[in-house]
Structure formats: C-alpha cells, structure tokens
Amino acid sequence: MKKWRFFWGAVLIFFGVFWGTGCAYRYYMGFHGPSIKAYPKIHEGVLRDEDCLSCHRPDRDPEGPPTTHPEFHGCLKCHNDDL
C-alpha cells in the first residue's frame, strides 16, 4: 500500500512541476511551438520577446495568431527551431 502511495505522490509532483513551469519544460523536453523560421519574411528582424508580443499579444488586437501564454518569457527558445 505504501509503495502505491509513494508512486502516485511522485506522479502528482512530476506532473505538477511539468505543467507549472510553463514553456520551460517544453523547451527541455523537445516540445517546441511552431518556428518563426516557417515564415521568414514576416519575422525578419525578430530578436526579442517584445518583438514577438508586439504582434501576438492577445490583449493588443494581434496581427498574427494570439499567443496562449503572453506571461512566459523566452519566446525564441521555443519558437526559433530550424525546420
């Protein structure tokens, strides 16, 4: 009985950290978002988070598809992969 309690406790902690850390876990686990390199003309000169959020922030009537996580930092860590 104690073995299963420990197992389920460990699973809950793992998934709590997994979902609680936002985009960071996706970066390290290899689950990246769509790359800006798929649209090079639109994203030419994008080098900072502010550049991304100027077009993708949901509360600013975005030109591009609105992000679901505007509070996260490090946009280009997850969205700048080679194709």
PDB file of N, CA and C in Angstrom:
ATOM      1  N   MET A   1       0.810  -1.194   0.000  1.00  0.00           N
ATOM      2  CA  MET A   1       0.000   0.000   0.000  1.00  0.00           C
ATOM      3  C   MET A   1       0.856   1.263   0.000  1.00  0.00           C
ATOM      4  N   LYS A   2       1.917   1.263   0.822  1.00  0.00           N
ATOM      5  CA  LYS A   2       2.788   2.438   0.885  1.00  0.00           C
ATOM      6  C   LYS A   2       3.514   2.660  -0.442  1.00  0.00           C
ATOM      7  N   LYS A   3       3.821   1.547  -1.124  1.00  0.00           N
ATOM      8  CA  LYS A   3       4.518   1.654  -2.406  1.00  0.00           C
ATOM      9  C   LYS A   3       3.659   2.427  -3.408  1.00  0.00           C
ATOM     10  N   TRP A   4       2.374   2.118  -3.468  1.00  0.00           N
ATOM     11  CA  TRP A   4       1.481   2.802  -4.405  1.00  0.00           C
ATOM     12  C   TRP A   4       1.263   4.260  -4.021  1.00  0.00           C
ATOM     13  N   ARG A   5       1.205   4.521  -2.734  1.00  0.00           N
ATOM     14  CA  ARG A   5       1.067   5.906  -2.273  1.00  0.00           C
ATOM     15  C   ARG A   5       2.263   6.743  -2.724  1.00  0.00           C
ATOM     16  N   PHE A   6       3.438   6.185  -2.534  1.00  0.00           N
ATOM     17  CA  PHE A   6       4.656   6.870  -2.961  1.00  0.00           C
ATOM     18  C   PHE A   6       4.646   7.084  -4.466  1.00  0.00           C
ATOM     19  N   PHE A   7       4.267   6.066  -5.220  1.00  0.00           N
ATOM     20  CA  PHE A   7       4.227   6.152  -6.682  1.00  0.00           C
ATOM     21  C   PHE A   7       3.292   7.266  -7.149  1.00  0.00           C
ATOM     22  N   TRP A   8       2.060   7.276  -6.645  1.00  0.00           N
ATOM     23  CA  TRP A   8       1.102   8.292  -7.075  1.00  0.00           C
ATOM     24  C   TRP A   8       1.495   9.679  -6.592  1.00  0.00           C
ATOM     25  N   GLY A   9       2.118   9.758  -5.439  1.00  0.00           N
ATOM     26  CA  GLY A   9       2.634  11.049  -4.973  1.00  0.00           C
ATOM     27  C   GLY A   9       3.715  11.573  -5.900  1.00  0.00           C
ATOM     28  N   ALA A  10       4.618  10.692  -6.310  1.00  0.00           N
ATOM     29  CA  ALA A  10       5.683  11.083  -7.239  1.00  0.00           C
ATOM     30  C   ALA A  10       5.109  11.504  -8.590  1.00  0.00           C
ATOM     31  N   VAL A  11       4.105  10.784  -9.053  1.00  0.00           N
ATOM     32  CA  VAL A  11       3.463  11.130 -10.329  1.00  0.00           C
ATOM     33  C   VAL A  11       2.815  12.511 -10.240  1.00  0.00           C
ATOM     34  N   LEU A  12       2.110  12.776  -9.153  1.00  0.00           N
ATOM     35  CA  LEU A  12       1.468  14.088  -8.980  1.00  0.00           C
ATOM     36  C   LEU A  12       2.487  15.215  -8.917  1.00  0.00           C
ATOM     37  N   ILE A  13       3.572  15.001  -8.214  1.00  0.00           N
ATOM     38  CA  ILE A  13       4.622  16.022  -8.136  1.00  0.00           C
ATOM     39  C   ILE A  13       5.235  16.248  -9.511  1.00  0.00           C
ATOM     40  N   PHE A  14       5.526  15.175 -10.223  1.00  0.00           N
ATOM     41  CA  PHE A  14       6.119  15.296 -11.554  1.00  0.00           C
ATOM     42  C   PHE A  14       5.224  16.121 -12.475  1.00  0.00           C
ATOM     43  N   PHE A  15       3.941  15.764 -12.540  1.00  0.00           N
ATOM     44  CA  PHE A  15       3.045  16.487 -13.431  1.00  0.00           C
ATOM     45  C   PHE A  15       2.759  17.903 -12.945  1.00  0.00           C
ATOM     46  N   GLY A  16       2.794  18.120 -11.652  1.00  0.00           N
ATOM     47  CA  GLY A  16       2.647  19.471 -11.129  1.00  0.00           C
ATOM     48  C   GLY A  16       3.784  20.368 -11.581  1.00  0.00           C
ATOM     49  N   VAL A  17       4.995  19.859 -11.503  1.00  0.00           N
ATOM     50  CA  VAL A  17       6.155  20.615 -11.984  1.00  0.00           C
ATOM     51  C   VAL A  17       6.097  20.745 -13.499  1.00  0.00           C
ATOM     52  N   PHE A  18       5.720  19.674 -14.168  1.00  0.00           N
ATOM     53  CA  PHE A  18       5.644  19.633 -15.626  1.00  0.00           C
ATOM     54  C   PHE A  18       4.735  20.740 -16.156  1.00  0.00           C
ATOM     55  N   TRP A  19       3.535  20.868 -15.591  1.00  0.00           N
ATOM     56  CA  TRP A  19       2.590  21.876 -16.062  1.00  0.00           C
ATOM     57  C   TRP A  19       2.818  23.229 -15.418  1.00  0.00           C
ATOM     58  N   GLY A  20       3.427  23.268 -14.270  1.00  0.00           N
ATOM     59  CA  GLY A  20       3.606  24.531 -13.566  1.00  0.00           C
ATOM     60  C   GLY A  20       4.743  25.385 -14.075  1.00  0.00           C
ATOM     61  N   THR A  21       5.657  24.810 -14.823  1.00  0.00           N
ATOM     62  CA  THR A  21       6.811  25.585 -15.276  1.00  0.00           C
ATOM     63  C   THR A  21       6.601  26.222 -16.643  1.00  0.00           C
ATOM     64  N   GLY A  22       5.442  26.064 -17.220  1.00  0.00           N
ATOM     65  CA  GLY A  22       5.136  26.738 -18.482  1.00  0.00           C
ATOM     66  C   GLY A  22       5.952  26.222 -19.647  1.00  0.00           C
ATOM     67  N   CYS A  23       6.433  27.145 -20.432  1.00  0.00           N
ATOM     68  CA  CYS A  23       7.124  26.804 -21.673  1.00  0.00           C
ATOM     69  C   CYS A  23       8.485  26.163 -21.411  1.00  0.00           C
ATOM     70  N   ALA A  24       9.051  26.403 -20.251  1.00  0.00           N
ATOM     71  CA  ALA A  24      10.394  25.900 -19.977  1.00  0.00           C
ATOM     72  C   ALA A  24      10.470  24.386 -20.105  1.00  0.00           C
ATOM     73  N   TYR A  25       9.492  23.675 -19.570  1.00  0.00           N
ATOM     74  CA  TYR A  25       9.562  22.219 -19.656  1.00  0.00           C
ATOM     75  C   TYR A  25       9.448  21.763 -21.097  1.00  0.00           C
ATOM     76  N   ARG A  26       8.685  22.473 -21.900  1.00  0.00           N
ATOM     77  CA  ARG A  26       8.544  22.080 -23.300  1.00  0.00           C
ATOM     78  C   ARG A  26       9.877  22.220 -24.027  1.00  0.00           C
ATOM     79  N   TYR A  27      10.599  23.260 -23.719  1.00  0.00           N
ATOM     80  CA  TYR A  27      11.890  23.505 -24.352  1.00  0.00           C
ATOM     81  C   TYR A  27      12.853  22.360 -24.053  1.00  0.00           C
ATOM     82  N   TYR A  28      12.951  21.975 -22.799  1.00  0.00           N
ATOM     83  CA  TYR A  28      13.888  20.929 -22.421  1.00  0.00           C
ATOM     84  C   TYR A  28      13.419  19.544 -22.819  1.00  0.00           C
ATOM     85  N   MET A  29      12.114  19.349 -22.946  1.00  0.00           N
ATOM     86  CA  MET A  29      11.583  18.047 -23.334  1.00  0.00           C
ATOM     87  C   MET A  29      11.483  17.905 -24.854  1.00  0.00           C
ATOM     88  N   GLY A  30      11.735  18.979 -25.593  1.00  0.00           N
ATOM     89  CA  GLY A  30      11.689  18.915 -27.044  1.00  0.00           C
ATOM     90  C   GLY A  30      10.329  19.225 -27.645  1.00  0.00           C
ATOM     91  N   PHE A  31       9.386  19.709 -26.840  1.00  0.00           N
ATOM     92  CA  PHE A  31       8.062  20.059 -27.342  1.00  0.00           C
ATOM     93  C   PHE A  31       8.031  21.545 -27.650  1.00  0.00           C
ATOM     94  N   HIS A  32       8.526  21.931 -28.774  1.00  0.00           N
ATOM     95  CA  HIS A  32       8.596  23.340 -29.113  1.00  0.00           C
ATOM     96  C   HIS A  32       7.357  23.765 -29.890  1.00  0.00           C
ATOM     97  N   GLY A  33       7.099  25.055 -29.878  1.00  0.00           N
ATOM     98  CA  GLY A  33       5.985  25.599 -30.636  1.00  0.00           C
ATOM     99  C   GLY A  33       6.371  25.773 -32.092  1.00  0.00           C
ATOM    100  N   PRO A  34       5.465  26.282 -32.902  1.00  0.00           N
ATOM    101  CA  PRO A  34       5.774  26.497 -34.320  1.00  0.00           C
ATOM    102  C   PRO A  34       6.913  27.500 -34.477  1.00  0.00           C
ATOM    103  N   SER A  35       7.817  27.206 -35.381  1.00  0.00           N
ATOM    104  CA  SER A  35       9.007  28.027 -35.568  1.00  0.00           C
ATOM    105  C   SER A  35       8.716  29.264 -36.413  1.00  0.00           C
ATOM    106  N   ILE A  36       9.342  30.379 -36.015  1.00  0.00           N
ATOM    107  CA  ILE A  36       9.204  31.598 -36.817  1.00  0.00           C
ATOM    108  C   ILE A  36       9.931  31.455 -38.151  1.00  0.00           C
ATOM    109  N   LYS A  37      10.805  30.465 -38.240  1.00  0.00           N
ATOM    110  CA  LYS A  37      11.541  30.255 -39.488  1.00  0.00           C
ATOM    111  C   LYS A  37      10.653  29.698 -40.602  1.00  0.00           C
ATOM    112  N   ALA A  38       9.442  29.295 -40.253  1.00  0.00           N
ATOM    113  CA  ALA A  38       8.482  28.847 -41.266  1.00  0.00           C
ATOM    114  C   ALA A  38       7.922  30.040 -42.044  1.00  0.00           C
ATOM    115  N   TYR A  39       8.040  31.237 -41.469  1.00  0.00           N
ATOM    116  CA  TYR A  39       7.554  32.470 -42.094  1.00  0.00           C
ATOM    117  C   TYR A  39       8.657  33.526 -42.042  1.00  0.00           C
ATOM    118  N   PRO A  40       9.729  33.337 -42.808  1.00  0.00           N
ATOM    119  CA  PRO A  40      10.895  34.216 -42.672  1.00  0.00           C
ATOM    120  C   PRO A  40      10.634  35.672 -43.055  1.00  0.00           C
ATOM    121  N   LYS A  41       9.790  35.934 -44.028  1.00  0.00           N
ATOM    122  CA  LYS A  41       9.549  37.324 -44.441  1.00  0.00           C
ATOM    123  C   LYS A  41       8.816  38.098 -43.358  1.00  0.00           C
ATOM    124  N   ILE A  42       7.851  37.456 -42.721  1.00  0.00           N
ATOM    125  CA  ILE A  42       7.067  38.119 -41.678  1.00  0.00           C
ATOM    126  C   ILE A  42       7.911  38.371 -40.429  1.00  0.00           C
ATOM    127  N   HIS A  43       8.802  37.443 -40.101  1.00  0.00           N
ATOM    128  CA  HIS A  43       9.557  37.516 -38.853  1.00  0.00           C
ATOM    129  C   HIS A  43      10.981  38.032 -39.033  1.00  0.00           C
ATOM    130  N   GLU A  44      11.261  38.656 -40.145  1.00  0.00           N
ATOM    131  CA  GLU A  44      12.596  39.209 -40.370  1.00  0.00           C
ATOM    132  C   GLU A  44      12.901  40.273 -39.320  1.00  0.00           C
ATOM    133  N   GLY A  45      14.022  40.157 -38.660  1.00  0.00           N
ATOM    134  CA  GLY A  45      14.435  41.128 -37.652  1.00  0.00           C
ATOM    135  C   GLY A  45      13.876  40.884 -36.259  1.00  0.00           C
ATOM    136  N   VAL A  46      13.157  39.803 -36.051  1.00  0.00           N
ATOM    137  CA  VAL A  46      12.629  39.497 -34.724  1.00  0.00           C
ATOM    138  C   VAL A  46      13.751  38.892 -33.890  1.00  0.00           C
ATOM    139  N   LEU A  47      14.117  39.592 -32.806  1.00  0.00           N
ATOM    140  CA  LEU A  47      15.230  39.149 -31.983  1.00  0.00           C
ATOM    141  C   LEU A  47      14.904  39.077 -30.495  1.00  0.00           C
ATOM    142  N   ARG A  48      13.772  39.669 -30.067  1.00  0.00           N
ATOM    143  CA  ARG A  48      13.450  39.736 -28.638  1.00  0.00           C
ATOM    144  C   ARG A  48      11.989  39.351 -28.402  1.00  0.00           C
ATOM    145  N   ASP A  49      11.686  39.047 -27.144  1.00  0.00           N
ATOM    146  CA  ASP A  49      10.307  38.730 -26.764  1.00  0.00           C
ATOM    147  C   ASP A  49       9.356  39.874 -27.108  1.00  0.00           C
ATOM    148  N   GLU A  50       9.803  41.097 -26.914  1.00  0.00           N
ATOM    149  CA  GLU A  50       8.956  42.255 -27.186  1.00  0.00           C
ATOM    150  C   GLU A  50       8.546  42.305 -28.662  1.00  0.00           C
ATOM    151  N   ASP A  51       9.449  41.878 -29.539  1.00  0.00           N
ATOM    152  CA  ASP A  51       9.136  41.841 -30.975  1.00  0.00           C
ATOM    153  C   ASP A  51       8.010  40.837 -31.237  1.00  0.00           C
ATOM    154  N   CYS A  52       8.081  39.694 -30.564  1.00  0.00           N
ATOM    155  CA  CYS A  52       7.044  38.659 -30.746  1.00  0.00           C
ATOM    156  C   CYS A  52       5.702  39.141 -30.206  1.00  0.00           C
ATOM    157  N   LEU A  53       5.742  39.678 -28.999  1.00  0.00           N
ATOM    158  CA  LEU A  53       4.498  40.061 -28.345  1.00  0.00           C
ATOM    159  C   LEU A  53       3.863  41.299 -28.954  1.00  0.00           C
ATOM    160  N   SER A  54       4.611  42.077 -29.706  1.00  0.00           N
ATOM    161  CA  SER A  54       4.005  43.240 -30.361  1.00  0.00           C
ATOM    162  C   SER A  54       2.971  42.813 -31.398  1.00  0.00           C
ATOM    163  N   CYS A  55       3.109  41.615 -31.953  1.00  0.00           N
ATOM    164  CA  CYS A  55       2.146  41.107 -32.940  1.00  0.00           C
ATOM    165  C   CYS A  55       1.256  39.984 -32.405  1.00  0.00           C
ATOM    166  N   HIS A  56       1.676  39.312 -31.346  1.00  0.00           N
ATOM    167  CA  HIS A  56       0.967  38.117 -30.902  1.00  0.00           C
ATOM    168  C   HIS A  56       0.334  38.234 -29.518  1.00  0.00           C
ATOM    169  N   ARG A  57       0.418  39.396 -28.877  1.00  0.00           N
ATOM    170  CA  ARG A  57      -0.174  39.569 -27.545  1.00  0.00           C
ATOM    171  C   ARG A  57      -1.697  39.627 -27.682  1.00  0.00           C
ATOM    172  N   PRO A  58      -2.441  38.788 -26.971  1.00  0.00           N
ATOM    173  CA  PRO A  58      -3.889  38.696 -27.170  1.00  0.00           C
ATOM    174  C   PRO A  58      -4.659  39.967 -26.828  1.00  0.00           C
ATOM    175  N   ASP A  59      -4.177  40.747 -25.872  1.00  0.00           N
ATOM    176  CA  ASP A  59      -4.921  41.934 -25.457  1.00  0.00           C
ATOM    177  C   ASP A  59      -4.609  43.172 -26.305  1.00  0.00           C
ATOM    178  N   ARG A  60      -3.843  43.033 -27.367  1.00  0.00           N
ATOM    179  CA  ARG A  60      -3.479  44.171 -28.229  1.00  0.00           C
ATOM    180  C   ARG A  60      -4.027  44.048 -29.644  1.00  0.00           C
ATOM    181  N   ASP A  61      -5.111  43.311 -29.839  1.00  0.00           N
ATOM    182  CA  ASP A  61      -5.670  43.086 -31.171  1.00  0.00           C
ATOM    183  C   ASP A  61      -4.566  42.598 -32.113  1.00  0.00           C
ATOM    184  N   PRO A  62      -4.105  41.379 -31.907  1.00  0.00           N
ATOM    185  CA  PRO A  62      -2.910  40.881 -32.595  1.00  0.00           C
ATOM    186  C   PRO A  62      -3.056  40.785 -34.114  1.00  0.00           C
ATOM    187  N   GLU A  63      -1.948  41.075 -34.785  1.00  0.00           N
ATOM    188  CA  GLU A  63      -1.883  40.913 -36.244  1.00  0.00           C
ATOM    189  C   GLU A  63      -1.743  39.440 -36.593  1.00  0.00           C
ATOM    190  N   GLY A  64      -0.963  38.731 -35.802  1.00  0.00           N
ATOM    191  CA  GLY A  64      -0.763  37.292 -36.006  1.00  0.00           C
ATOM    192  C   GLY A  64      -1.640  36.521 -35.048  1.00  0.00           C
ATOM    193  N   PRO A  65      -1.530  35.191 -35.071  1.00  0.00           N
ATOM    194  CA  PRO A  65      -2.335  34.396 -34.139  1.00  0.00           C
ATOM    195  C   PRO A  65      -1.946  34.727 -32.695  1.00  0.00           C
ATOM    196  N   PRO A  66      -2.916  34.983 -31.827  1.00  0.00           N
ATOM    197  CA  PRO A  66      -2.588  35.365 -30.449  1.00  0.00           C
ATOM    198  C   PRO A  66      -1.971  34.206 -29.675  1.00  0.00           C
ATOM    199  N   THR A  67      -1.007  34.536 -28.851  1.00  0.00           N
ATOM    200  CA  THR A  67      -0.370  33.519 -28.017  1.00  0.00           C
ATOM    201  C   THR A  67      -1.283  33.157 -26.853  1.00  0.00           C
ATOM    202  N   THR A  68      -1.181  31.922 -26.429  1.00  0.00           N
ATOM    203  CA  THR A  68      -1.958  31.481 -25.272  1.00  0.00           C
ATOM    204  C   THR A  68      -1.188  31.685 -23.974  1.00  0.00           C
ATOM    205  N   HIS A  69       0.067  32.134 -24.077  1.00  0.00           N
ATOM    206  CA  HIS A  69       0.898  32.284 -22.889  1.00  0.00           C
ATOM    207  C   HIS A  69       1.734  33.566 -22.949  1.00  0.00           C
ATOM    208  N   PRO A  70       1.083  34.753 -22.939  1.00  0.00           N
ATOM    209  CA  PRO A  70       1.836  36.007 -23.047  1.00  0.00           C
ATOM    210  C   PRO A  70       2.694  36.311 -21.825  1.00  0.00           C
ATOM    211  N   GLU A  71       2.438  35.642 -20.697  1.00  0.00           N
ATOM    212  CA  GLU A  71       3.216  35.917 -19.483  1.00  0.00           C
ATOM    213  C   GLU A  71       4.546  35.175 -19.464  1.00  0.00           C
ATOM    214  N   PHE A  72       4.749  34.218 -20.356  1.00  0.00           N
ATOM    215  CA  PHE A  72       6.006  33.470 -20.400  1.00  0.00           C
ATOM    216  C   PHE A  72       7.074  34.316 -21.081  1.00  0.00           C
ATOM    217  N   HIS A  73       8.319  34.062 -20.712  1.00  0.00           N
ATOM    218  CA  HIS A  73       9.451  34.755 -21.322  1.00  0.00           C
ATOM    219  C   HIS A  73      10.292  33.736 -22.085  1.00  0.00           C
ATOM    220  N   GLY A  74      11.007  34.203 -23.073  1.00  0.00           N
ATOM    221  CA  GLY A  74      11.860  33.308 -23.860  1.00  0.00           C
ATOM    222  C   GLY A  74      11.151  32.774 -25.084  1.00  0.00           C
ATOM    223  N   CYS A  75      10.420  33.625 -25.771  1.00  0.00           N
ATOM    224  CA  CYS A  75       9.662  33.199 -26.959  1.00  0.00           C
ATOM    225  C   CYS A  75      10.540  32.441 -27.959  1.00  0.00           C
ATOM    226  N   LEU A  76      11.714  32.978 -28.209  1.00  0.00           N
ATOM    227  CA  LEU A  76      12.556  32.413 -29.260  1.00  0.00           C
ATOM    228  C   LEU A  76      13.229  31.106 -28.845  1.00  0.00           C
ATOM    229  N   LYS A  77      13.208  30.768 -27.570  1.00  0.00           N
ATOM    230  CA  LYS A  77      13.745  29.458 -27.148  1.00  0.00           C
ATOM    231  C   LYS A  77      12.860  28.329 -27.668  1.00  0.00           C
ATOM    232  N   CYS A  78      11.562  28.602 -27.759  1.00  0.00           N
ATOM    233  CA  CYS A  78      10.630  27.559 -28.193  1.00  0.00           C
ATOM    234  C   CYS A  78      10.142  27.746 -29.632  1.00  0.00           C
ATOM    235  N   HIS A  79      10.306  28.924 -30.168  1.00  0.00           N
ATOM    236  CA  HIS A  79       9.718  29.222 -31.476  1.00  0.00           C
ATOM    237  C   HIS A  79      10.748  29.643 -32.527  1.00  0.00           C
ATOM    238  N   ASN A  80      11.984  29.188 -32.375  1.00  0.00           N
ATOM    239  CA  ASN A  80      13.044  29.565 -33.325  1.00  0.00           C
ATOM    240  C   ASN A  80      13.828  28.351 -33.797  1.00  0.00           C
ATOM    241  N   ASP A  81      13.175  27.201 -33.851  1.00  0.00           N
ATOM    242  CA  ASP A  81      13.857  25.978 -34.272  1.00  0.00           C
ATOM    243  C   ASP A  81      14.105  25.968 -35.775  1.00  0.00           C
ATOM    244  N   ASP A  82      15.134  25.239 -36.165  1.00  0.00           N
ATOM    245  CA  ASP A  82      15.368  25.007 -37.592  1.00  0.00           C
ATOM    246  C   ASP A  82      14.275  24.103 -38.117  1.00  0.00           C
ATOM    247  N   LEU A  83      13.929  24.311 -39.367  1.00  0.00           N
ATOM    248  CA  LEU A  83      12.879  23.492 -39.968  1.00  0.00           C
ATOM    249  C   LEU A  83      13.435  22.179 -40.468  1.00  0.00           C
TER     250      LEU A  83
END
